[in-house]
N, C-alpha and C. Protein backbone atom coordinates (compact mmCIF):
# COMPACT_ATOMS: atom_id res chain seq x y z
N MET A 1 75.79 44.30 -49.38
CA MET A 1 75.19 43.44 -48.38
C MET A 1 74.35 44.32 -47.46
N ASN A 2 73.26 43.78 -47.02
CA ASN A 2 72.35 44.48 -46.12
C ASN A 2 73.10 44.94 -44.88
N ASN A 3 72.95 46.24 -44.53
CA ASN A 3 73.64 46.80 -43.36
C ASN A 3 73.28 46.10 -42.06
N GLY A 4 72.05 45.58 -41.96
CA GLY A 4 71.66 44.83 -40.77
C GLY A 4 72.50 43.57 -40.60
N TYR A 5 72.75 42.89 -41.72
CA TYR A 5 73.61 41.70 -41.68
C TYR A 5 75.04 42.08 -41.31
N LEU A 6 75.51 43.15 -41.89
CA LEU A 6 76.88 43.58 -41.59
C LEU A 6 77.02 43.90 -40.11
N GLU A 7 76.07 44.62 -39.56
CA GLU A 7 76.12 44.95 -38.12
C GLU A 7 76.09 43.67 -37.28
N MET A 8 75.24 42.73 -37.67
CA MET A 8 75.14 41.47 -36.94
C MET A 8 76.49 40.73 -36.95
N TRP A 9 77.13 40.61 -38.13
CA TRP A 9 78.40 39.89 -38.23
C TRP A 9 79.54 40.66 -37.57
N ASP A 10 79.52 41.97 -37.65
CA ASP A 10 80.54 42.75 -36.93
C ASP A 10 80.42 42.52 -35.42
N ASN A 11 79.20 42.55 -34.91
CA ASN A 11 78.99 42.31 -33.48
C ASN A 11 79.40 40.89 -33.09
N TRP A 12 79.05 39.91 -33.92
CA TRP A 12 79.44 38.53 -33.67
C TRP A 12 80.97 38.41 -33.62
N SER A 13 81.63 39.05 -34.56
CA SER A 13 83.09 38.98 -34.63
C SER A 13 83.75 39.66 -33.44
N LYS A 14 83.22 40.80 -33.01
CA LYS A 14 83.77 41.51 -31.85
C LYS A 14 83.71 40.63 -30.60
N LYS A 15 82.63 39.89 -30.44
CA LYS A 15 82.48 39.04 -29.26
C LYS A 15 83.44 37.86 -29.29
N ARG A 16 83.93 37.50 -30.47
CA ARG A 16 84.80 36.35 -30.62
C ARG A 16 86.20 36.75 -31.08
N ALA A 17 86.60 37.93 -30.77
CA ALA A 17 87.89 38.47 -31.22
C ALA A 17 89.05 37.84 -30.45
N ILE A 18 89.16 36.54 -30.58
CA ILE A 18 90.21 35.77 -29.92
C ILE A 18 90.86 34.87 -30.96
N VAL A 19 91.90 34.16 -30.56
CA VAL A 19 92.47 33.17 -31.47
C VAL A 19 91.38 32.14 -31.72
N PRO A 20 91.04 31.91 -32.99
CA PRO A 20 89.94 30.99 -33.28
C PRO A 20 90.30 29.54 -32.96
N VAL A 21 89.28 28.77 -32.74
CA VAL A 21 89.42 27.33 -32.53
C VAL A 21 88.80 26.65 -33.73
N TYR A 22 89.51 25.70 -34.30
CA TYR A 22 88.99 25.00 -35.47
C TYR A 22 88.75 23.54 -35.14
N ASP A 23 87.86 22.93 -35.92
CA ASP A 23 87.76 21.48 -35.87
C ASP A 23 88.62 20.96 -37.02
N ASN A 24 88.67 19.71 -37.19
CA ASN A 24 89.59 19.14 -38.20
C ASN A 24 88.86 18.66 -39.45
N TRP A 25 87.78 19.32 -39.84
CA TRP A 25 87.04 18.87 -41.01
C TRP A 25 87.89 18.90 -42.27
N LEU A 26 88.86 19.81 -42.33
CA LEU A 26 89.71 19.88 -43.51
C LEU A 26 90.67 18.70 -43.63
N ASP A 27 90.86 17.93 -42.56
CA ASP A 27 91.68 16.73 -42.65
C ASP A 27 91.18 15.79 -43.74
N ASP A 28 89.86 15.73 -43.92
CA ASP A 28 89.28 14.86 -44.94
C ASP A 28 89.67 15.27 -46.36
N TYR A 29 90.17 16.49 -46.52
CA TYR A 29 90.52 17.02 -47.83
C TYR A 29 92.02 17.28 -47.96
N TYR A 30 92.79 16.64 -47.11
CA TYR A 30 94.23 16.94 -47.06
C TYR A 30 94.92 16.65 -48.39
N ASP A 31 94.48 15.62 -49.12
CA ASP A 31 95.08 15.34 -50.44
C ASP A 31 94.86 16.50 -51.40
N ILE A 32 93.65 17.04 -51.40
CA ILE A 32 93.34 18.18 -52.27
C ILE A 32 94.13 19.40 -51.83
N LEU A 33 94.20 19.60 -50.52
CA LEU A 33 94.98 20.73 -50.01
C LEU A 33 96.44 20.60 -50.42
N THR A 34 97.00 19.42 -50.28
CA THR A 34 98.41 19.19 -50.60
C THR A 34 98.67 19.45 -52.08
N GLU A 35 97.73 19.10 -52.94
CA GLU A 35 97.88 19.37 -54.38
C GLU A 35 97.98 20.87 -54.65
N ASN A 36 97.50 21.68 -53.74
CA ASN A 36 97.49 23.14 -53.88
C ASN A 36 98.47 23.81 -52.93
N LYS A 37 99.47 23.07 -52.48
CA LYS A 37 100.43 23.56 -51.49
C LYS A 37 101.19 24.79 -52.00
N ASN A 38 101.42 24.87 -53.29
CA ASN A 38 102.22 25.97 -53.84
C ASN A 38 101.39 27.11 -54.40
N THR A 39 100.09 27.07 -54.14
CA THR A 39 99.21 28.16 -54.59
C THR A 39 98.52 28.78 -53.39
N GLU A 40 97.96 29.93 -53.59
CA GLU A 40 97.20 30.58 -52.52
C GLU A 40 95.78 30.02 -52.50
N ILE A 41 95.30 29.69 -51.31
CA ILE A 41 93.94 29.19 -51.12
C ILE A 41 93.07 30.37 -50.71
N LEU A 42 91.90 30.47 -51.30
CA LEU A 42 90.96 31.54 -50.98
C LEU A 42 89.96 31.03 -49.95
N ASP A 43 89.89 31.70 -48.81
CA ASP A 43 88.96 31.35 -47.73
C ASP A 43 87.86 32.40 -47.72
N LEU A 44 86.72 32.05 -48.34
CA LEU A 44 85.58 32.98 -48.45
C LEU A 44 84.70 32.91 -47.21
N GLY A 45 84.23 34.06 -46.77
CA GLY A 45 83.39 34.10 -45.59
C GLY A 45 84.14 33.52 -44.40
N CYS A 46 85.36 33.96 -44.23
CA CYS A 46 86.30 33.35 -43.28
C CYS A 46 85.95 33.60 -41.82
N GLY A 47 85.07 34.57 -41.52
CA GLY A 47 84.77 34.86 -40.13
C GLY A 47 86.04 35.27 -39.39
N ILE A 48 86.22 34.78 -38.18
CA ILE A 48 87.42 35.15 -37.41
C ILE A 48 88.62 34.26 -37.74
N GLY A 49 88.46 33.36 -38.73
CA GLY A 49 89.63 32.68 -39.27
C GLY A 49 89.94 31.28 -38.79
N ALA A 50 88.95 30.49 -38.40
CA ALA A 50 89.23 29.13 -37.94
C ALA A 50 89.92 28.32 -39.04
N ASP A 51 89.37 28.33 -40.25
CA ASP A 51 89.99 27.56 -41.34
C ASP A 51 91.31 28.19 -41.76
N THR A 52 91.40 29.49 -41.70
CA THR A 52 92.65 30.19 -42.00
C THR A 52 93.75 29.71 -41.06
N LEU A 53 93.45 29.66 -39.77
CA LEU A 53 94.44 29.21 -38.79
C LEU A 53 94.86 27.77 -39.06
N TYR A 54 93.91 26.90 -39.31
CA TYR A 54 94.20 25.50 -39.63
C TYR A 54 95.20 25.43 -40.78
N LEU A 55 94.91 26.16 -41.84
CA LEU A 55 95.76 26.11 -43.04
C LEU A 55 97.13 26.72 -42.81
N ILE A 56 97.19 27.86 -42.17
CA ILE A 56 98.47 28.52 -41.93
C ILE A 56 99.36 27.67 -41.03
N GLU A 57 98.77 27.04 -40.01
CA GLU A 57 99.56 26.17 -39.13
C GLU A 57 100.16 24.99 -39.89
N ARG A 58 99.59 24.63 -41.03
CA ARG A 58 100.08 23.52 -41.82
C ARG A 58 100.89 23.97 -43.04
N GLY A 59 101.22 25.25 -43.06
CA GLY A 59 102.12 25.78 -44.08
C GLY A 59 101.49 26.18 -45.40
N PHE A 60 100.17 26.33 -45.43
CA PHE A 60 99.50 26.75 -46.65
C PHE A 60 99.44 28.27 -46.72
N ASN A 61 99.37 28.79 -47.94
CA ASN A 61 99.18 30.22 -48.18
C ASN A 61 97.69 30.47 -48.33
N VAL A 62 97.18 31.45 -47.60
CA VAL A 62 95.74 31.70 -47.56
C VAL A 62 95.46 33.19 -47.71
N LEU A 63 94.42 33.51 -48.48
CA LEU A 63 93.86 34.85 -48.48
C LEU A 63 92.48 34.74 -47.86
N SER A 64 92.30 35.35 -46.71
CA SER A 64 91.06 35.28 -45.94
C SER A 64 90.17 36.45 -46.30
N CYS A 65 88.96 36.16 -46.75
CA CYS A 65 88.03 37.20 -47.22
C CYS A 65 86.73 37.16 -46.43
N ASP A 66 86.27 38.35 -46.05
CA ASP A 66 85.00 38.47 -45.37
C ASP A 66 84.48 39.88 -45.59
N PHE A 67 83.18 40.09 -45.36
CA PHE A 67 82.64 41.44 -45.48
C PHE A 67 82.55 42.13 -44.13
N SER A 68 82.93 41.42 -43.06
CA SER A 68 82.98 42.02 -41.74
C SER A 68 84.40 42.50 -41.46
N ASN A 69 84.56 43.80 -41.38
CA ASN A 69 85.88 44.35 -41.06
C ASN A 69 86.32 43.95 -39.66
N GLU A 70 85.37 43.74 -38.75
CA GLU A 70 85.72 43.29 -37.41
C GLU A 70 86.32 41.89 -37.44
N ALA A 71 85.77 41.03 -38.28
CA ALA A 71 86.33 39.68 -38.43
C ALA A 71 87.75 39.77 -38.99
N LEU A 72 87.93 40.59 -39.99
CA LEU A 72 89.26 40.73 -40.60
C LEU A 72 90.27 41.32 -39.62
N LYS A 73 89.83 42.26 -38.79
CA LYS A 73 90.72 42.81 -37.76
C LYS A 73 91.14 41.72 -36.78
N SER A 74 90.20 40.87 -36.42
CA SER A 74 90.49 39.78 -35.48
C SER A 74 91.54 38.83 -36.06
N ILE A 75 91.39 38.50 -37.33
CA ILE A 75 92.38 37.62 -37.98
C ILE A 75 93.75 38.28 -37.97
N SER A 76 93.81 39.52 -38.40
CA SER A 76 95.09 40.23 -38.45
C SER A 76 95.76 40.28 -37.07
N LYS A 77 94.95 40.43 -36.04
CA LYS A 77 95.47 40.53 -34.67
C LYS A 77 95.91 39.17 -34.13
N ASN A 78 95.17 38.12 -34.43
CA ASN A 78 95.35 36.84 -33.75
C ASN A 78 96.05 35.75 -34.56
N ILE A 79 96.22 35.95 -35.85
CA ILE A 79 96.85 34.91 -36.66
C ILE A 79 98.05 35.51 -37.39
N PRO A 80 99.24 35.24 -36.88
CA PRO A 80 100.45 35.76 -37.54
C PRO A 80 100.54 35.26 -38.99
N ASN A 81 101.12 36.08 -39.84
CA ASN A 81 101.33 35.75 -41.25
C ASN A 81 100.05 35.61 -42.06
N SER A 82 98.94 36.11 -41.54
CA SER A 82 97.68 36.02 -42.28
C SER A 82 97.58 37.18 -43.26
N ARG A 83 96.82 36.95 -44.32
CA ARG A 83 96.50 37.99 -45.30
C ARG A 83 94.99 38.07 -45.39
N THR A 84 94.46 39.28 -45.34
CA THR A 84 93.01 39.45 -45.38
C THR A 84 92.61 40.42 -46.49
N LYS A 85 91.36 40.28 -46.90
CA LYS A 85 90.80 41.18 -47.90
C LYS A 85 89.31 41.32 -47.63
N TYR A 86 88.84 42.56 -47.64
CA TYR A 86 87.40 42.80 -47.56
C TYR A 86 86.77 42.31 -48.86
N LEU A 87 85.69 41.53 -48.72
CA LEU A 87 85.00 41.04 -49.91
C LEU A 87 83.53 40.81 -49.58
N ASP A 88 82.67 41.42 -50.34
CA ASP A 88 81.23 41.20 -50.25
C ASP A 88 80.88 40.23 -51.37
N MET A 89 80.47 39.03 -51.03
CA MET A 89 80.20 38.00 -52.05
C MET A 89 79.02 38.33 -52.96
N LEU A 90 78.25 39.36 -52.63
CA LEU A 90 77.17 39.77 -53.51
C LEU A 90 77.64 40.74 -54.59
N GLU A 91 78.86 41.20 -54.47
CA GLU A 91 79.44 42.11 -55.46
C GLU A 91 80.26 41.31 -56.47
N THR A 92 80.67 41.94 -57.53
CA THR A 92 81.53 41.29 -58.50
C THR A 92 82.85 40.93 -57.83
N PHE A 93 83.29 39.68 -58.05
CA PHE A 93 84.55 39.25 -57.44
C PHE A 93 85.72 40.03 -58.02
N PRO A 94 86.63 40.45 -57.15
CA PRO A 94 87.78 41.24 -57.61
C PRO A 94 88.95 40.37 -58.08
N PHE A 95 88.67 39.12 -58.44
CA PHE A 95 89.71 38.19 -58.88
C PHE A 95 89.43 37.77 -60.32
N ALA A 96 90.48 37.55 -61.06
CA ALA A 96 90.33 37.06 -62.43
C ALA A 96 89.78 35.64 -62.40
N ASP A 97 89.02 35.27 -63.43
CA ASP A 97 88.53 33.90 -63.54
C ASP A 97 89.70 32.93 -63.46
N GLU A 98 89.47 31.85 -62.75
CA GLU A 98 90.44 30.77 -62.62
C GLU A 98 91.76 31.20 -61.97
N SER A 99 91.74 32.27 -61.19
CA SER A 99 92.97 32.71 -60.52
C SER A 99 93.23 31.92 -59.24
N TYR A 100 92.22 31.19 -58.77
CA TYR A 100 92.38 30.32 -57.61
C TYR A 100 91.99 28.91 -57.99
N SER A 101 92.84 27.96 -57.64
CA SER A 101 92.51 26.56 -57.92
C SER A 101 91.77 25.91 -56.75
N LEU A 102 91.82 26.55 -55.58
CA LEU A 102 91.11 26.01 -54.42
C LEU A 102 90.47 27.15 -53.63
N ILE A 103 89.16 27.02 -53.42
CA ILE A 103 88.39 28.00 -52.65
C ILE A 103 87.64 27.25 -51.56
N ILE A 104 87.75 27.76 -50.35
CA ILE A 104 87.00 27.21 -49.21
C ILE A 104 85.93 28.24 -48.84
N ALA A 105 84.71 27.77 -48.67
CA ALA A 105 83.62 28.65 -48.26
C ALA A 105 82.82 27.93 -47.18
N ASP A 106 83.50 27.59 -46.10
CA ASP A 106 82.90 26.85 -44.99
C ASP A 106 81.90 27.73 -44.25
N LEU A 107 80.68 27.27 -44.15
CA LEU A 107 79.63 27.95 -43.38
C LEU A 107 79.40 29.39 -43.83
N SER A 108 79.41 29.61 -45.15
CA SER A 108 79.12 30.96 -45.62
C SER A 108 78.10 30.98 -46.76
N LEU A 109 78.19 30.10 -47.71
CA LEU A 109 77.28 30.16 -48.86
C LEU A 109 75.85 29.82 -48.49
N HIS A 110 75.65 29.04 -47.46
CA HIS A 110 74.28 28.65 -47.09
C HIS A 110 73.45 29.82 -46.54
N TYR A 111 74.08 30.95 -46.30
CA TYR A 111 73.33 32.12 -45.84
C TYR A 111 72.59 32.82 -46.98
N PHE A 112 72.91 32.45 -48.22
CA PHE A 112 72.27 33.06 -49.38
C PHE A 112 71.14 32.17 -49.89
N ASP A 113 70.09 32.80 -50.43
CA ASP A 113 69.01 32.01 -51.00
C ASP A 113 69.41 31.47 -52.37
N ASN A 114 68.62 30.57 -52.91
CA ASN A 114 68.94 29.92 -54.19
C ASN A 114 69.06 30.92 -55.32
N ASP A 115 68.19 31.92 -55.38
CA ASP A 115 68.26 32.91 -56.45
C ASP A 115 69.59 33.66 -56.43
N THR A 116 70.10 33.93 -55.25
CA THR A 116 71.35 34.67 -55.11
C THR A 116 72.54 33.83 -55.54
N THR A 117 72.53 32.55 -55.24
CA THR A 117 73.69 31.71 -55.55
C THR A 117 73.66 31.12 -56.94
N ASN A 118 72.57 31.26 -57.67
CA ASN A 118 72.53 30.74 -59.04
C ASN A 118 73.22 31.65 -60.01
């Protein structure tokens, strides 16, 4: 990932290094979430962990992934029982195909152009 983007997201994360606040958009998908209650949910581009917090508070298992180490530090500090992993979505995914049945990528994929996401 471009170092300028990384610096921008690290700075953004440092400024928001608090317990995240989430909205309830995932409520609309609660049936799908419940079907995956016994599996780990992958939260891509998790930022400081708003969706991670929502899920953990409701008893879901989550692996929070981001390419900003500052964001991951914030999650580790502010969300008990969280699990984080550094992940650059432009690199080869470090997960086996079909190893996750549910992936959340809220407000992250739209930062890539069409050629990158195809």
